[in-house]
Amino acid sequence: MSKVELFENERASGYDQFVEAWIPNYRYFLDFLPKLFWDSDPSEILVVGCGTGNEIQQLVAKEKKWNVTGIDPSPEMIQQARQKLEGYTNVRLIEALVSDLEVDRKYDAATLLLVLHFLEDNGSKLELLKQIGNRLISGALLVMLDITGDERMIRENLKILRLLLPDDITEEQIDHRLNRIQKELLHVPEDRLAALCVEAGFEAPVRFFQSAIYMGWMTRKK
């Protein structure tokens, strides 16, 4: 697998402010995330790349009493998540990779938000999807959010993203970040993501959300 992307120091401490500023409708996405699970009403949810625990906080703040396991390889992110989720007895936080999780403990739903664009499409994206699938029951829902698109779509959607950013971000910061997104992050076209999901044992994903370069999908383990 590719080198693991760890969030440390300023990247970890400033993560919440960063995603709020750089992902238009991020808070809206999190607010409706629990509704996606209401019909299946899972008892065990796996949150892959849980970061500071933002989506877990949404999942456990509702009236549903779901058990949520969050996993992330970054110790500083897990520490923030522990502080944010202190007092919730239905939350388990693990500093590790998905491959480190016991395979015999199965989950009936999972999320994978803002993770895949850090992994190369050299088998690493596929391997993560397979590792997640190995820990889900048949029919389990997987919700994904990621930077997605072919070269032209990324380029055009970055122009839109620039228009949607808060006014207090400098042009220098914007240029630096947009250049990193376009040239350094490992996003793939939507049809490639769909093919990876199918190869990993999931149904073809359905896109239900888009905000500039960020797209959200739902799929299920076959």
Protein backbone atom coordinates (compact mmCIF):
# COMPACT_ATOMS: atom_id res chain seq x y z
CA MET A 1 0.00 0.00 0.00
CA SER A 2 1.09 3.61 -0.57
CA LYS A 3 2.63 5.71 2.16
CA VAL A 4 0.00 6.50 4.78
CA GLU A 5 -1.05 10.16 4.89
CA LEU A 6 -0.72 11.36 8.48
CA PHE A 7 -2.14 14.65 9.74
CA GLU A 8 0.22 16.11 12.32
CA ASN A 9 0.99 19.45 13.99
CA GLU A 10 -0.83 22.37 12.26
CA ARG A 11 -2.55 20.06 9.79
CA ALA A 12 -4.15 18.22 12.71
CA SER A 13 -4.88 21.14 15.02
CA GLY A 14 -6.36 23.25 12.21
CA TYR A 15 -8.23 20.47 10.43
CA ASP A 16 -11.76 21.43 11.49
CA GLN A 17 -11.32 25.05 10.42
CA PHE A 18 -9.69 23.90 7.17
CA VAL A 19 -12.51 21.63 6.01
CA GLU A 20 -15.17 24.17 6.96
CA ALA A 21 -13.43 26.78 4.80
CA TRP A 22 -12.37 24.68 1.83
CA ILE A 23 -15.31 22.30 1.33
CA PRO A 24 -18.46 24.23 0.37
CA ASN A 25 -21.54 22.73 2.07
CA TYR A 26 -19.37 20.54 4.31
CA ARG A 27 -21.57 21.27 7.32
CA TYR A 28 -24.70 20.60 5.25
CA PHE A 29 -23.27 17.22 4.21
CA LEU A 30 -22.55 16.27 7.81
CA ASP A 31 -25.99 17.41 8.97
CA PHE A 32 -27.83 15.06 6.61
CA LEU A 33 -25.32 12.17 6.85
CA PRO A 34 -27.25 10.32 9.63
CA LYS A 35 -30.42 10.34 7.53
CA LEU A 36 -28.71 8.12 4.96
CA PHE A 37 -28.61 5.34 7.55
CA TRP A 38 -32.12 5.65 8.96
CA ASP A 39 -33.78 3.08 6.67
CA SER A 40 -31.20 0.36 7.32
CA ASP A 41 -30.79 1.44 10.99
CA PRO A 42 -27.38 -0.25 11.46
CA SER A 43 -26.27 -1.36 14.89
CA GLU A 44 -22.52 -1.13 14.12
CA ILE A 45 -21.00 1.63 11.94
CA LEU A 46 -17.35 1.77 10.90
CA VAL A 47 -15.95 5.27 10.21
CA VAL A 48 -12.75 4.93 8.19
CA GLY A 49 -10.34 7.85 8.42
CA CYS A 50 -12.40 9.36 11.20
CA GLY A 51 -10.02 12.30 11.70
CA THR A 52 -11.18 14.61 14.47
CA GLY A 53 -14.51 12.78 14.73
CA ASN A 54 -16.77 15.21 12.88
CA GLU A 55 -18.98 12.60 11.23
CA ILE A 56 -19.02 10.44 14.35
CA GLN A 57 -20.26 13.42 16.33
CA GLN A 58 -23.17 13.74 13.90
CA LEU A 59 -23.97 10.03 13.99
CA VAL A 60 -24.10 9.80 17.79
CA ALA A 61 -25.85 13.13 18.36
CA LYS A 62 -29.12 11.83 16.90
CA GLU A 63 -31.78 9.82 18.69
CA LYS A 64 -30.52 6.60 17.11
CA LYS A 65 -28.22 4.67 19.44
CA TRP A 66 -25.76 3.34 16.91
CA ASN A 67 -22.43 1.87 17.99
CA VAL A 68 -19.68 3.66 16.07
CA THR A 69 -16.07 2.59 15.60
CA GLY A 70 -13.74 5.29 14.29
CA ILE A 71 -10.31 4.39 12.95
CA ASP A 72 -7.48 6.68 11.85
CA PRO A 73 -3.68 6.27 11.67
CA SER A 74 -2.95 9.81 12.90
CA PRO A 75 -2.48 9.97 16.70
CA GLU A 76 -3.11 13.71 16.88
CA MET A 77 -6.41 13.38 15.00
CA ILE A 78 -7.53 10.51 17.22
CA GLN A 79 -6.66 12.59 20.29
CA GLN A 80 -8.88 15.42 19.06
CA ALA A 81 -11.66 12.94 18.36
CA ARG A 82 -11.38 11.55 21.91
CA GLN A 83 -11.74 15.03 23.36
CA LYS A 84 -14.69 15.85 21.11
CA LEU A 85 -16.50 12.58 21.82
CA GLU A 86 -15.73 12.24 25.51
CA GLY A 87 -18.68 10.80 27.39
CA TYR A 88 -20.18 8.79 24.52
CA THR A 89 -20.25 5.16 25.60
CA ASN A 90 -21.25 3.95 22.13
CA VAL A 91 -18.06 5.23 20.44
CA ARG A 92 -14.83 3.24 20.03
CA LEU A 93 -11.77 5.08 18.63
CA ILE A 94 -8.74 3.19 17.30
CA GLU A 95 -5.39 4.56 16.13
CA ALA A 96 -4.66 2.11 13.33
CA LEU A 97 -5.31 1.13 9.72
CA VAL A 98 -8.39 -0.77 8.55
CA SER A 99 -6.14 -3.76 7.86
CA ASP A 100 -5.32 -3.85 11.59
CA LEU A 101 -8.96 -4.40 12.56
CA GLU A 102 -10.12 -7.89 13.49
CA VAL A 103 -11.81 -9.49 10.48
CA ASP A 104 -14.31 -11.51 12.50
CA ARG A 105 -16.01 -8.38 13.86
CA LYS A 106 -18.49 -7.30 11.20
CA TYR A 107 -20.16 -3.92 10.68
CA ASP A 108 -23.45 -3.26 8.94
CA ALA A 109 -22.53 0.21 7.62
CA ALA A 110 -19.43 2.32 6.98
CA THR A 111 -18.26 5.75 5.89
CA LEU A 112 -15.16 6.66 3.89
CA LEU A 113 -14.93 10.45 3.73
CA LEU A 114 -12.02 12.41 2.21
CA VAL A 115 -9.57 9.50 2.26
CA LEU A 116 -9.21 7.95 -1.19
CA HIS A 117 -7.57 10.99 -2.83
CA PHE A 118 -4.52 10.39 -0.62
CA LEU A 119 -4.00 6.87 -2.02
CA GLU A 120 -2.42 6.00 -5.35
CA ASP A 121 -4.41 4.05 -7.91
CA ASN A 122 -1.71 1.39 -7.99
CA GLY A 123 -3.69 -1.13 -5.96
CA SER A 124 -3.83 1.01 -2.81
CA LYS A 125 -7.31 2.45 -3.39
CA LEU A 126 -8.62 -1.00 -4.30
CA GLU A 127 -6.95 -2.62 -1.29
CA LEU A 128 -8.56 -0.16 1.13
CA LEU A 129 -11.99 -0.76 -0.38
CA LYS A 130 -11.44 -4.52 -0.11
CA GLN A 131 -10.28 -4.22 3.50
CA ILE A 132 -13.45 -2.29 4.32
CA GLY A 133 -15.63 -4.79 2.46
CA ASN A 134 -14.05 -7.68 4.35
CA ARG A 135 -15.35 -6.17 7.59
CA LEU A 136 -18.92 -5.53 6.40
CA ILE A 137 -21.91 -7.82 6.28
CA SER A 138 -23.60 -8.45 2.94
CA GLY A 139 -25.86 -5.55 2.01
CA ALA A 140 -24.02 -3.11 4.31
CA LEU A 141 -24.22 0.54 3.24
CA LEU A 142 -21.00 2.42 2.43
CA VAL A 143 -21.12 6.23 2.14
CA MET A 144 -18.17 7.94 0.45
CA LEU A 145 -17.10 11.55 -0.09
CA ASP A 146 -14.02 12.46 -2.10
CA ILE A 147 -12.35 14.71 -4.64
CA THR A 148 -13.26 13.19 -7.98
CA GLY A 149 -13.12 13.92 -11.69
CA ASP A 150 -11.04 13.60 -14.82
CA GLU A 151 -8.44 16.25 -15.65
CA ARG A 152 -10.89 18.59 -17.39
CA MET A 153 -13.60 18.25 -14.72
CA ILE A 154 -11.14 18.93 -11.89
CA ARG A 155 -9.79 21.99 -13.70
CA GLU A 156 -13.25 23.46 -14.35
CA ASN A 157 -14.62 22.63 -10.91
CA LEU A 158 -11.60 24.27 -9.28
CA LYS A 159 -12.65 27.51 -10.99
CA ILE A 160 -16.05 27.13 -9.33
CA LEU A 161 -14.48 26.26 -5.98
CA ARG A 162 -12.46 29.48 -6.12
CA LEU A 163 -15.72 31.46 -6.34
CA LEU A 164 -17.22 29.68 -3.32
CA LEU A 165 -14.36 30.15 -0.86
CA PRO A 166 -14.60 32.50 2.15
CA ASP A 167 -13.41 36.08 1.59
CA ASP A 168 -10.74 35.89 4.30
CA ILE A 169 -8.59 33.36 2.41
CA THR A 170 -5.78 35.16 0.58
CA GLU A 171 -5.14 34.75 -3.13
CA GLU A 172 -1.73 33.27 -2.30
CA GLN A 173 -3.34 30.61 -0.09
CA ILE A 174 -5.95 29.87 -2.73
CA ASP A 175 -3.40 29.50 -5.53
CA HIS A 176 -1.24 27.20 -3.39
CA ARG A 177 -4.12 24.96 -2.35
CA LEU A 178 -5.72 24.73 -5.80
CA ASN A 179 -2.36 23.86 -7.34
CA ARG A 180 -1.90 21.09 -4.76
CA ILE A 181 -5.37 19.69 -5.47
CA GLN A 182 -4.79 19.65 -9.20
CA LYS A 183 -1.20 18.38 -9.29
CA GLU A 184 -0.48 16.49 -6.06
CA LEU A 185 -3.65 14.81 -4.82
CA LEU A 186 -4.50 11.39 -6.25
CA HIS A 187 -8.08 11.83 -7.44
CA VAL A 188 -9.58 9.59 -10.12
CA PRO A 189 -12.50 9.98 -12.55
CA GLU A 190 -15.92 8.93 -11.34
CA ASP A 191 -16.10 5.91 -13.65
CA ARG A 192 -12.77 4.66 -12.28
CA LEU A 193 -14.04 4.98 -8.73
CA ALA A 194 -17.14 2.99 -9.70
CA ALA A 195 -14.96 0.26 -11.25
CA LEU A 196 -12.84 0.06 -8.09
CA CYS A 197 -15.95 -0.32 -5.93
CA VAL A 198 -17.29 -3.12 -8.10
CA GLU A 199 -13.93 -4.91 -8.15
CA ALA A 200 -13.80 -4.65 -4.35
CA GLY A 201 -17.17 -6.40 -4.02
CA PHE A 202 -19.58 -3.45 -3.85
CA GLU A 203 -22.46 -2.43 -6.08
CA ALA A 204 -21.88 0.36 -8.58
CA PRO A 205 -22.06 3.52 -6.44
CA VAL A 206 -24.79 6.14 -6.86
CA ARG A 207 -23.78 9.79 -6.66
CA PHE A 208 -26.10 11.79 -4.40
CA PHE A 209 -24.01 14.89 -3.64
CA GLN A 210 -21.65 17.27 -5.38
CA SER A 211 -20.09 20.56 -4.32
CA ALA A 212 -17.47 21.69 -6.85
CA ILE A 213 -14.74 19.00 -6.83
CA TYR A 214 -16.26 17.06 -3.92
CA MET A 215 -18.66 14.22 -4.72
CA GLY A 216 -20.60 11.86 -2.45
CA TRP A 217 -21.82 8.34 -3.25
CA MET A 218 -23.71 5.49 -1.70
CA THR A 219 -23.05 1.83 -2.41
CA ARG A 220 -23.64 -1.53 -0.74
CA LYS A 221 -21.54 -4.61 -0.26
CA LYS A 222 -22.73 -7.39 -2.56
